[in-house]
Amino acid sequence: MIEVKIENIVASAIFAEKLDLDVIATSLEEAEYEPEQFPGLVYRVKEPRVVMLLFGSGKIVCTGGKNTEDVSTAVEKVSKKLTSMGLLH
């Protein structure tokens, strides 16, 4: 019998508004944003341990989740953090 183990889930979501990545990059310590190299902002979430790619269009790509709950939790955390900082309405 073959054992299948999920190592990495990639999922996407879309916020209902555009994101100002320059402002977000200066507001979040864990954010990396180099638009000359890559159009998305890289945000590393510590728990659950995932990487979020945020784009100016409002699209988010979440990588590294071990299950769908990790993805949902991470997206919710990022949404709440941006909302509490006034960066998402």
PDB file of N, CA and C in Angstrom:
ATOM      1  N   MET A   1       0.840  -1.183   0.000  1.00  0.00           N
ATOM      2  CA  MET A   1       0.000   0.000   0.000  1.00  0.00           C
ATOM      3  C   MET A   1       0.887   1.248   0.000  1.00  0.00           C
ATOM      4  N   ILE A   2       0.483   2.247  -0.746  1.00  0.00           N
ATOM      5  CA  ILE A   2       1.224   3.500  -0.847  1.00  0.00           C
ATOM      6  C   ILE A   2       0.636   4.504   0.130  1.00  0.00           C
ATOM      7  N   GLU A   3       1.518   5.133   0.892  1.00  0.00           N
ATOM      8  CA  GLU A   3       1.068   6.172   1.824  1.00  0.00           C
ATOM      9  C   GLU A   3       1.242   7.537   1.157  1.00  0.00           C
ATOM     10  N   VAL A   4       0.169   8.287   1.117  1.00  0.00           N
ATOM     11  CA  VAL A   4       0.195   9.622   0.536  1.00  0.00           C
ATOM     12  C   VAL A   4       0.207  10.627   1.679  1.00  0.00           C
ATOM     13  N   LYS A   5       1.155  11.549   1.622  1.00  0.00           N
ATOM     14  CA  LYS A   5       1.272  12.577   2.657  1.00  0.00           C
ATOM     15  C   LYS A   5       1.247  13.941   1.981  1.00  0.00           C
ATOM     16  N   ILE A   6       0.335  14.782   2.402  1.00  0.00           N
ATOM     17  CA  ILE A   6       0.245  16.129   1.832  1.00  0.00           C
ATOM     18  C   ILE A   6       1.317  16.992   2.485  1.00  0.00           C
ATOM     19  N   GLU A   7       2.154  17.586   1.659  1.00  0.00           N
ATOM     20  CA  GLU A   7       3.266  18.397   2.126  1.00  0.00           C
ATOM     21  C   GLU A   7       3.038  19.888   1.894  1.00  0.00           C
ATOM     22  N   ASN A   8       2.306  20.213   0.836  1.00  0.00           N
ATOM     23  CA  ASN A   8       2.207  21.617   0.450  1.00  0.00           C
ATOM     24  C   ASN A   8       0.910  21.850  -0.318  1.00  0.00           C
ATOM     25  N   ILE A   9       0.068  22.693   0.235  1.00  0.00           N
ATOM     26  CA  ILE A   9      -1.158  23.094  -0.452  1.00  0.00           C
ATOM     27  C   ILE A   9      -0.958  24.516  -0.968  1.00  0.00           C
ATOM     28  N   VAL A  10      -1.362  24.754  -2.187  1.00  0.00           N
ATOM     29  CA  VAL A  10      -1.347  26.092  -2.763  1.00  0.00           C
ATOM     30  C   VAL A  10      -2.799  26.483  -3.001  1.00  0.00           C
ATOM     31  N   ALA A  11      -3.182  27.639  -2.482  1.00  0.00           N
ATOM     32  CA  ALA A  11      -4.560  28.103  -2.630  1.00  0.00           C
ATOM     33  C   ALA A  11      -4.560  29.596  -2.933  1.00  0.00           C
ATOM     34  N   SER A  12      -5.645  30.070  -3.504  1.00  0.00           N
ATOM     35  CA  SER A  12      -5.752  31.503  -3.784  1.00  0.00           C
ATOM     36  C   SER A  12      -7.078  32.040  -3.262  1.00  0.00           C
ATOM     37  N   ALA A  13      -7.064  33.328  -3.017  1.00  0.00           N
ATOM     38  CA  ALA A  13      -8.262  34.046  -2.567  1.00  0.00           C
ATOM     39  C   ALA A  13      -8.172  35.454  -3.147  1.00  0.00           C
ATOM     40  N   ILE A  14      -9.268  36.164  -3.091  1.00  0.00           N
ATOM     41  CA  ILE A  14      -9.275  37.546  -3.594  1.00  0.00           C
ATOM     42  C   ILE A  14      -9.986  38.439  -2.591  1.00  0.00           C
ATOM     43  N   PHE A  15      -9.294  39.507  -2.163  1.00  0.00           N
ATOM     44  CA  PHE A  15      -9.953  40.531  -1.364  1.00  0.00           C
ATOM     45  C   PHE A  15     -10.816  41.363  -2.308  1.00  0.00           C
ATOM     46  N   ALA A  16     -11.854  41.953  -1.800  1.00  0.00           N
ATOM     47  CA  ALA A  16     -12.793  42.707  -2.630  1.00  0.00           C
ATOM     48  C   ALA A  16     -12.278  44.103  -2.977  1.00  0.00           C
ATOM     49  N   GLU A  17     -11.023  44.370  -2.695  1.00  0.00           N
ATOM     50  CA  GLU A  17     -10.465  45.685  -3.013  1.00  0.00           C
ATOM     51  C   GLU A  17      -8.991  45.561  -3.374  1.00  0.00           C
ATOM     52  N   LYS A  18      -8.475  46.607  -3.991  1.00  0.00           N
ATOM     53  CA  LYS A  18      -7.059  46.631  -4.351  1.00  0.00           C
ATOM     54  C   LYS A  18      -6.221  46.873  -3.104  1.00  0.00           C
ATOM     55  N   LEU A  19      -4.974  46.418  -3.147  1.00  0.00           N
ATOM     56  CA  LEU A  19      -4.069  46.566  -2.018  1.00  0.00           C
ATOM     57  C   LEU A  19      -2.934  47.509  -2.379  1.00  0.00           C
ATOM     58  N   ASP A  20      -2.580  48.399  -1.461  1.00  0.00           N
ATOM     59  CA  ASP A  20      -1.433  49.283  -1.646  1.00  0.00           C
ATOM     60  C   ASP A  20      -0.218  48.572  -1.060  1.00  0.00           C
ATOM     61  N   LEU A  21       0.501  47.872  -1.904  1.00  0.00           N
ATOM     62  CA  LEU A  21       1.600  47.037  -1.437  1.00  0.00           C
ATOM     63  C   LEU A  21       2.743  47.840  -0.840  1.00  0.00           C
ATOM     64  N   ASP A  22       2.968  49.066  -1.316  1.00  0.00           N
ATOM     65  CA  ASP A  22       4.022  49.908  -0.740  1.00  0.00           C
ATOM     66  C   ASP A  22       3.726  50.215   0.726  1.00  0.00           C
ATOM     67  N   VAL A  23       2.491  50.559   1.015  1.00  0.00           N
ATOM     68  CA  VAL A  23       2.095  50.871   2.395  1.00  0.00           C
ATOM     69  C   VAL A  23       2.127  49.614   3.256  1.00  0.00           C
ATOM     70  N   ILE A  24       1.639  48.523   2.728  1.00  0.00           N
ATOM     71  CA  ILE A  24       1.643  47.269   3.485  1.00  0.00           C
ATOM     72  C   ILE A  24       3.071  46.842   3.789  1.00  0.00           C
ATOM     73  N   ALA A  25       3.963  46.986   2.828  1.00  0.00           N
ATOM     74  CA  ALA A  25       5.359  46.581   3.025  1.00  0.00           C
ATOM     75  C   ALA A  25       6.024  47.357   4.144  1.00  0.00           C
ATOM     76  N   THR A  26       5.700  48.629   4.264  1.00  0.00           N
ATOM     77  CA  THR A  26       6.305  49.429   5.339  1.00  0.00           C
ATOM     78  C   THR A  26       5.597  49.223   6.673  1.00  0.00           C
ATOM     79  N   SER A  27       4.394  48.685   6.657  1.00  0.00           N
ATOM     80  CA  SER A  27       3.622  48.496   7.883  1.00  0.00           C
ATOM     81  C   SER A  27       3.826  47.123   8.521  1.00  0.00           C
ATOM     82  N   LEU A  28       4.159  46.136   7.743  1.00  0.00           N
ATOM     83  CA  LEU A  28       4.335  44.774   8.262  1.00  0.00           C
ATOM     84  C   LEU A  28       5.819  44.424   8.303  1.00  0.00           C
ATOM     85  N   GLU A  29       6.326  44.129   9.489  1.00  0.00           N
ATOM     86  CA  GLU A  29       7.744  43.804   9.642  1.00  0.00           C
ATOM     87  C   GLU A  29       8.152  42.569   8.843  1.00  0.00           C
ATOM     88  N   GLU A  30       7.271  41.597   8.767  1.00  0.00           N
ATOM     89  CA  GLU A  30       7.605  40.330   8.129  1.00  0.00           C
ATOM     90  C   GLU A  30       7.462  40.368   6.610  1.00  0.00           C
ATOM     91  N   ALA A  31       7.106  41.503   6.051  1.00  0.00           N
ATOM     92  CA  ALA A  31       6.831  41.597   4.615  1.00  0.00           C
ATOM     93  C   ALA A  31       8.097  41.884   3.812  1.00  0.00           C
ATOM     94  N   GLU A  32       8.167  41.273   2.640  1.00  0.00           N
ATOM     95  CA  GLU A  32       9.242  41.537   1.687  1.00  0.00           C
ATOM     96  C   GLU A  32       8.592  41.966   0.375  1.00  0.00           C
ATOM     97  N   TYR A  33       9.009  43.133  -0.120  1.00  0.00           N
ATOM     98  CA  TYR A  33       8.410  43.628  -1.357  1.00  0.00           C
ATOM     99  C   TYR A  33       9.472  44.303  -2.199  1.00  0.00           C
ATOM    100  N   GLU A  34       9.788  43.699  -3.324  1.00  0.00           N
ATOM    101  CA  GLU A  34      10.726  44.251  -4.289  1.00  0.00           C
ATOM    102  C   GLU A  34      10.067  44.200  -5.666  1.00  0.00           C
ATOM    103  N   PRO A  35       9.267  45.225  -5.993  1.00  0.00           N
ATOM    104  CA  PRO A  35       8.489  45.193  -7.239  1.00  0.00           C
ATOM    105  C   PRO A  35       9.334  45.085  -8.508  1.00  0.00           C
ATOM    106  N   GLU A  36      10.611  45.446  -8.432  1.00  0.00           N
ATOM    107  CA  GLU A  36      11.471  45.318  -9.600  1.00  0.00           C
ATOM    108  C   GLU A  36      11.770  43.843  -9.888  1.00  0.00           C
ATOM    109  N   GLN A  37      11.733  43.021  -8.829  1.00  0.00           N
ATOM    110  CA  GLN A  37      12.039  41.595  -8.961  1.00  0.00           C
ATOM    111  C   GLN A  37      10.796  40.731  -9.148  1.00  0.00           C
ATOM    112  N   PHE A  38       9.722  41.098  -8.409  1.00  0.00           N
ATOM    113  CA  PHE A  38       8.499  40.289  -8.396  1.00  0.00           C
ATOM    114  C   PHE A  38       7.331  41.194  -8.022  1.00  0.00           C
ATOM    115  N   PRO A  39       6.207  41.119  -8.724  1.00  0.00           N
ATOM    116  CA  PRO A  39       5.103  42.060  -8.490  1.00  0.00           C
ATOM    117  C   PRO A  39       4.316  41.837  -7.199  1.00  0.00           C
ATOM    118  N   GLY A  40       4.592  40.757  -6.496  1.00  0.00           N
ATOM    119  CA  GLY A  40       3.839  40.466  -5.279  1.00  0.00           C
ATOM    120  C   GLY A  40       4.639  40.728  -4.020  1.00  0.00           C
ATOM    121  N   LEU A  41       3.915  40.998  -2.950  1.00  0.00           N
ATOM    122  CA  LEU A  41       4.505  41.164  -1.631  1.00  0.00           C
ATOM    123  C   LEU A  41       4.536  39.787  -0.967  1.00  0.00           C
ATOM    124  N   VAL A  42       5.666  39.423  -0.401  1.00  0.00           N
ATOM    125  CA  VAL A  42       5.824  38.132   0.267  1.00  0.00           C
ATOM    126  C   VAL A  42       5.659  38.359   1.767  1.00  0.00           C
ATOM    127  N   TYR A  43       4.703  37.649   2.356  1.00  0.00           N
ATOM    128  CA  TYR A  43       4.435  37.781   3.793  1.00  0.00           C
ATOM    129  C   TYR A  43       4.461  36.393   4.409  1.00  0.00           C
ATOM    130  N   ARG A  44       5.352  36.198   5.362  1.00  0.00           N
ATOM    131  CA  ARG A  44       5.499  34.897   6.014  1.00  0.00           C
ATOM    132  C   ARG A  44       4.704  34.881   7.313  1.00  0.00           C
ATOM    133  N   VAL A  45       3.759  33.971   7.388  1.00  0.00           N
ATOM    134  CA  VAL A  45       2.935  33.796   8.586  1.00  0.00           C
ATOM    135  C   VAL A  45       3.609  32.712   9.427  1.00  0.00           C
ATOM    136  N   LYS A  46       3.765  32.996  10.723  1.00  0.00           N
ATOM    137  CA  LYS A  46       4.466  32.045  11.590  1.00  0.00           C
ATOM    138  C   LYS A  46       3.597  30.870  12.023  1.00  0.00           C
ATOM    139  N   GLU A  47       2.323  31.137  12.275  1.00  0.00           N
ATOM    140  CA  GLU A  47       1.426  30.066  12.724  1.00  0.00           C
ATOM    141  C   GLU A  47       0.049  30.264  12.120  1.00  0.00           C
ATOM    142  N   PRO A  48      -0.409  29.424  11.245  1.00  0.00           N
ATOM    143  CA  PRO A  48       0.288  28.272  10.695  1.00  0.00           C
ATOM    144  C   PRO A  48       1.431  28.730   9.793  1.00  0.00           C
ATOM    145  N   ARG A  49       2.410  27.908   9.646  1.00  0.00           N
ATOM    146  CA  ARG A  49       3.606  28.280   8.887  1.00  0.00           C
ATOM    147  C   ARG A  49       3.315  28.199   7.385  1.00  0.00           C
ATOM    148  N   VAL A  50       3.002  29.357   6.820  1.00  0.00           N
ATOM    149  CA  VAL A  50       2.714  29.459   5.388  1.00  0.00           C
ATOM    150  C   VAL A  50       3.333  30.738   4.847  1.00  0.00           C
ATOM    151  N   VAL A  51       3.380  30.838   3.557  1.00  0.00           N
ATOM    152  CA  VAL A  51       3.829  32.061   2.889  1.00  0.00           C
ATOM    153  C   VAL A  51       2.660  32.592   2.082  1.00  0.00           C
ATOM    154  N   MET A  52       2.385  33.876   2.256  1.00  0.00           N
ATOM    155  CA  MET A  52       1.312  34.533   1.524  1.00  0.00           C
ATOM    156  C   MET A  52       1.933  35.476   0.497  1.00  0.00           C
ATOM    157  N   LEU A  53       1.443  35.406  -0.714  1.00  0.00           N
ATOM    158  CA  LEU A  53       1.824  36.349  -1.754  1.00  0.00           C
ATOM    159  C   LEU A  53       0.636  37.260  -1.972  1.00  0.00           C
ATOM    160  N   LEU A  54       0.822  38.553  -1.732  1.00  0.00           N
ATOM    161  CA  LEU A  54      -0.251  39.527  -1.903  1.00  0.00           C
ATOM    162  C   LEU A  54       0.035  40.355  -3.148  1.00  0.00           C
ATOM    163  N   PHE A  55      -0.987  40.580  -3.949  1.00  0.00           N
ATOM    164  CA  PHE A  55      -0.847  41.349  -5.174  1.00  0.00           C
ATOM    165  C   PHE A  55      -1.732  42.592  -5.118  1.00  0.00           C
ATOM    166  N   GLY A  56      -1.324  43.623  -5.812  1.00  0.00           N
ATOM    167  CA  GLY A  56      -2.052  44.880  -5.816  1.00  0.00           C
ATOM    168  C   GLY A  56      -3.506  44.738  -6.233  1.00  0.00           C
ATOM    169  N   SER A  57      -3.818  43.754  -7.025  1.00  0.00           N
ATOM    170  CA  SER A  57      -5.188  43.525  -7.491  1.00  0.00           C
ATOM    171  C   SER A  57      -6.115  43.051  -6.364  1.00  0.00           C
ATOM    172  N   GLY A  58      -5.513  42.628  -5.239  1.00  0.00           N
ATOM    173  CA  GLY A  58      -6.292  42.076  -4.140  1.00  0.00           C
ATOM    174  C   GLY A  58      -6.204  40.555  -4.077  1.00  0.00           C
ATOM    175  N   LYS A  59      -5.543  39.967  -5.063  1.00  0.00           N
ATOM    176  CA  LYS A  59      -5.393  38.515  -5.073  1.00  0.00           C
ATOM    177  C   LYS A  59      -4.328  38.090  -4.068  1.00  0.00           C
ATOM    178  N   ILE A  60      -4.568  36.941  -3.438  1.00  0.00           N
ATOM    179  CA  ILE A  60      -3.629  36.362  -2.483  1.00  0.00           C
ATOM    180  C   ILE A  60      -3.374  34.919  -2.905  1.00  0.00           C
ATOM    181  N   VAL A  61      -2.138  34.495  -2.814  1.00  0.00           N
ATOM    182  CA  VAL A  61      -1.788  33.102  -3.017  1.00  0.00           C
ATOM    183  C   VAL A  61      -1.124  32.624  -1.733  1.00  0.00           C
ATOM    184  N   CYS A  62      -1.614  31.529  -1.205  1.00  0.00           N
ATOM    185  CA  CYS A  62      -1.096  30.965   0.033  1.00  0.00           C
ATOM    186  C   CYS A  62      -0.387  29.654  -0.308  1.00  0.00           C
ATOM    187  N   THR A  63       0.870  29.527   0.110  1.00  0.00           N
ATOM    188  CA  THR A  63       1.617  28.297  -0.142  1.00  0.00           C
ATOM    189  C   THR A  63       2.169  27.744   1.167  1.00  0.00           C
ATOM    190  N   GLY A  64       2.361  26.444   1.182  1.00  0.00           N
ATOM    191  CA  GLY A  64       2.993  25.814   2.332  1.00  0.00           C
ATOM    192  C   GLY A  64       2.053  25.224   3.355  1.00  0.00           C
ATOM    193  N   GLY A  65       0.756  25.389   3.167  1.00  0.00           N
ATOM    194  CA  GLY A  65      -0.196  24.815   4.115  1.00  0.00           C
ATOM    195  C   GLY A  65      -0.172  23.302   4.070  1.00  0.00           C
ATOM    196  N   LYS A  66      -0.394  22.676   5.203  1.00  0.00           N
ATOM    197  CA  LYS A  66      -0.434  21.216   5.280  1.00  0.00           C
ATOM    198  C   LYS A  66      -1.856  20.683   5.087  1.00  0.00           C
ATOM    199  N   ASN A  67      -2.855  21.582   5.289  1.00  0.00           N
ATOM    200  CA  ASN A  67      -4.256  21.193   5.117  1.00  0.00           C
ATOM    201  C   ASN A  67      -5.079  22.448   4.837  1.00  0.00           C
ATOM    202  N   THR A  68      -6.334  22.273   4.503  1.00  0.00           N
ATOM    203  CA  THR A  68      -7.175  23.424   4.156  1.00  0.00           C
ATOM    204  C   THR A  68      -7.419  24.334   5.353  1.00  0.00           C
ATOM    205  N   GLU A  69      -7.383  23.779   6.548  1.00  0.00           N
ATOM    206  CA  GLU A  69      -7.555  24.608   7.746  1.00  0.00           C
ATOM    207  C   GLU A  69      -6.399  25.597   7.886  1.00  0.00           C
ATOM    208  N   ASP A  70      -5.167  25.170   7.596  1.00  0.00           N
ATOM    209  CA  ASP A  70      -4.019  26.079   7.635  1.00  0.00           C
ATOM    210  C   ASP A  70      -4.238  27.261   6.697  1.00  0.00           C
ATOM    211  N   VAL A  71      -4.707  26.972   5.496  1.00  0.00           N
ATOM    212  CA  VAL A  71      -4.931  28.020   4.502  1.00  0.00           C
ATOM    213  C   VAL A  71      -6.005  28.989   4.987  1.00  0.00           C
ATOM    214  N   SER A  72      -7.127  28.472   5.435  1.00  0.00           N
ATOM    215  CA  SER A  72      -8.225  29.323   5.911  1.00  0.00           C
ATOM    216  C   SER A  72      -7.790  30.182   7.091  1.00  0.00           C
ATOM    217  N   THR A  73      -7.074  29.585   8.026  1.00  0.00           N
ATOM    218  CA  THR A  73      -6.599  30.319   9.204  1.00  0.00           C
ATOM    219  C   THR A  73      -5.648  31.435   8.795  1.00  0.00           C
ATOM    220  N   ALA A  74      -4.721  31.142   7.893  1.00  0.00           N
ATOM    221  CA  ALA A  74      -3.742  32.139   7.462  1.00  0.00           C
ATOM    222  C   ALA A  74      -4.399  33.303   6.725  1.00  0.00           C
ATOM    223  N   VAL A  75      -5.323  33.003   5.836  1.00  0.00           N
ATOM    224  CA  VAL A  75      -6.019  34.072   5.105  1.00  0.00           C
ATOM    225  C   VAL A  75      -6.805  34.944   6.079  1.00  0.00           C
ATOM    226  N   GLU A  76      -7.466  34.327   7.029  1.00  0.00           N
ATOM    227  CA  GLU A  76      -8.231  35.081   8.035  1.00  0.00           C
ATOM    228  C   GLU A  76      -7.305  35.959   8.882  1.00  0.00           C
ATOM    229  N   LYS A  77      -6.154  35.429   9.271  1.00  0.00           N
ATOM    230  CA  LYS A  77      -5.193  36.211  10.061  1.00  0.00           C
ATOM    231  C   LYS A  77      -4.702  37.437   9.300  1.00  0.00           C
ATOM    232  N   VAL A  78      -4.353  37.233   8.030  1.00  0.00           N
ATOM    233  CA  VAL A  78      -3.863  38.348   7.217  1.00  0.00           C
ATOM    234  C   VAL A  78      -4.967  39.373   7.026  1.00  0.00           C
ATOM    235  N   SER A  79      -6.169  38.928   6.765  1.00  0.00           N
ATOM    236  CA  SER A  79      -7.298  39.831   6.600  1.00  0.00           C
ATOM    237  C   SER A  79      -7.535  40.658   7.859  1.00  0.00           C
ATOM    238  N   LYS A  80      -7.554  40.011   9.006  1.00  0.00           N
ATOM    239  CA  LYS A  80      -7.771  40.727  10.274  1.00  0.00           C
ATOM    240  C   LYS A  80      -6.637  41.701  10.561  1.00  0.00           C
ATOM    241  N   LYS A  81      -5.399  41.286  10.299  1.00  0.00           N
ATOM    242  CA  LYS A  81      -4.249  42.158  10.560  1.00  0.00           C
ATOM    243  C   LYS A  81      -4.311  43.409   9.681  1.00  0.00           C
ATOM    244  N   LEU A  82      -4.560  43.222   8.389  1.00  0.00           N
ATOM    245  CA  LEU A  82      -4.644  44.371   7.487  1.00  0.00           C
ATOM    246  C   LEU A  82      -5.815  45.270   7.841  1.00  0.00           C
ATOM    247  N   THR A  83      -6.937  44.688   8.229  1.00  0.00           N
ATOM    248  CA  THR A  83      -8.110  45.485   8.624  1.00  0.00           C
ATOM    249  C   THR A  83      -7.822  46.279   9.887  1.00  0.00           C
ATOM    250  N   SER A  84      -7.194  45.657  10.879  1.00  0.00           N
ATOM    251  CA  SER A  84      -6.898  46.343  12.146  1.00  0.00           C
ATOM    252  C   SER A  84      -5.902  47.484  11.948  1.00  0.00           C
ATOM    253  N   MET A  85      -5.063  47.373  10.922  1.00  0.00           N
ATOM    254  CA  MET A  85      -4.086  48.431  10.635  1.00  0.00           C
ATOM    255  C   MET A  85      -4.657  49.495   9.695  1.00  0.00           C
ATOM    256  N   GLY A  86      -5.914  49.327   9.294  1.00  0.00           N
ATOM    257  CA  GLY A  86      -6.550  50.287   8.396  1.00  0.00           C
ATOM    258  C   GLY A  86      -6.117  50.149   6.950  1.00  0.00           C
ATOM    259  N   LEU A  87      -5.534  49.013   6.590  1.00  0.00           N
ATOM    260  CA  LEU A  87      -5.029  48.801   5.238  1.00  0.00           C
ATOM    261  C   LEU A  87      -5.992  48.019   4.364  1.00  0.00           C
ATOM    262  N   LEU A  88      -7.077  47.526   4.985  1.00  0.00           N
ATOM    263  CA  LEU A  88      -8.105  46.783   4.283  1.00  0.00           C
ATOM    264  C   LEU A  88      -9.421  47.150   4.936  1.00  0.00           C
ATOM    265  N   HIS A  89     -10.447  47.365   4.142  1.00  0.00           N
ATOM    266  CA  HIS A  89     -11.725  47.817   4.712  1.00  0.00           C
ATOM    267  C   HIS A  89     -12.795  46.765   4.633  1.00  0.00           C
TER     268      HIS A  89
END
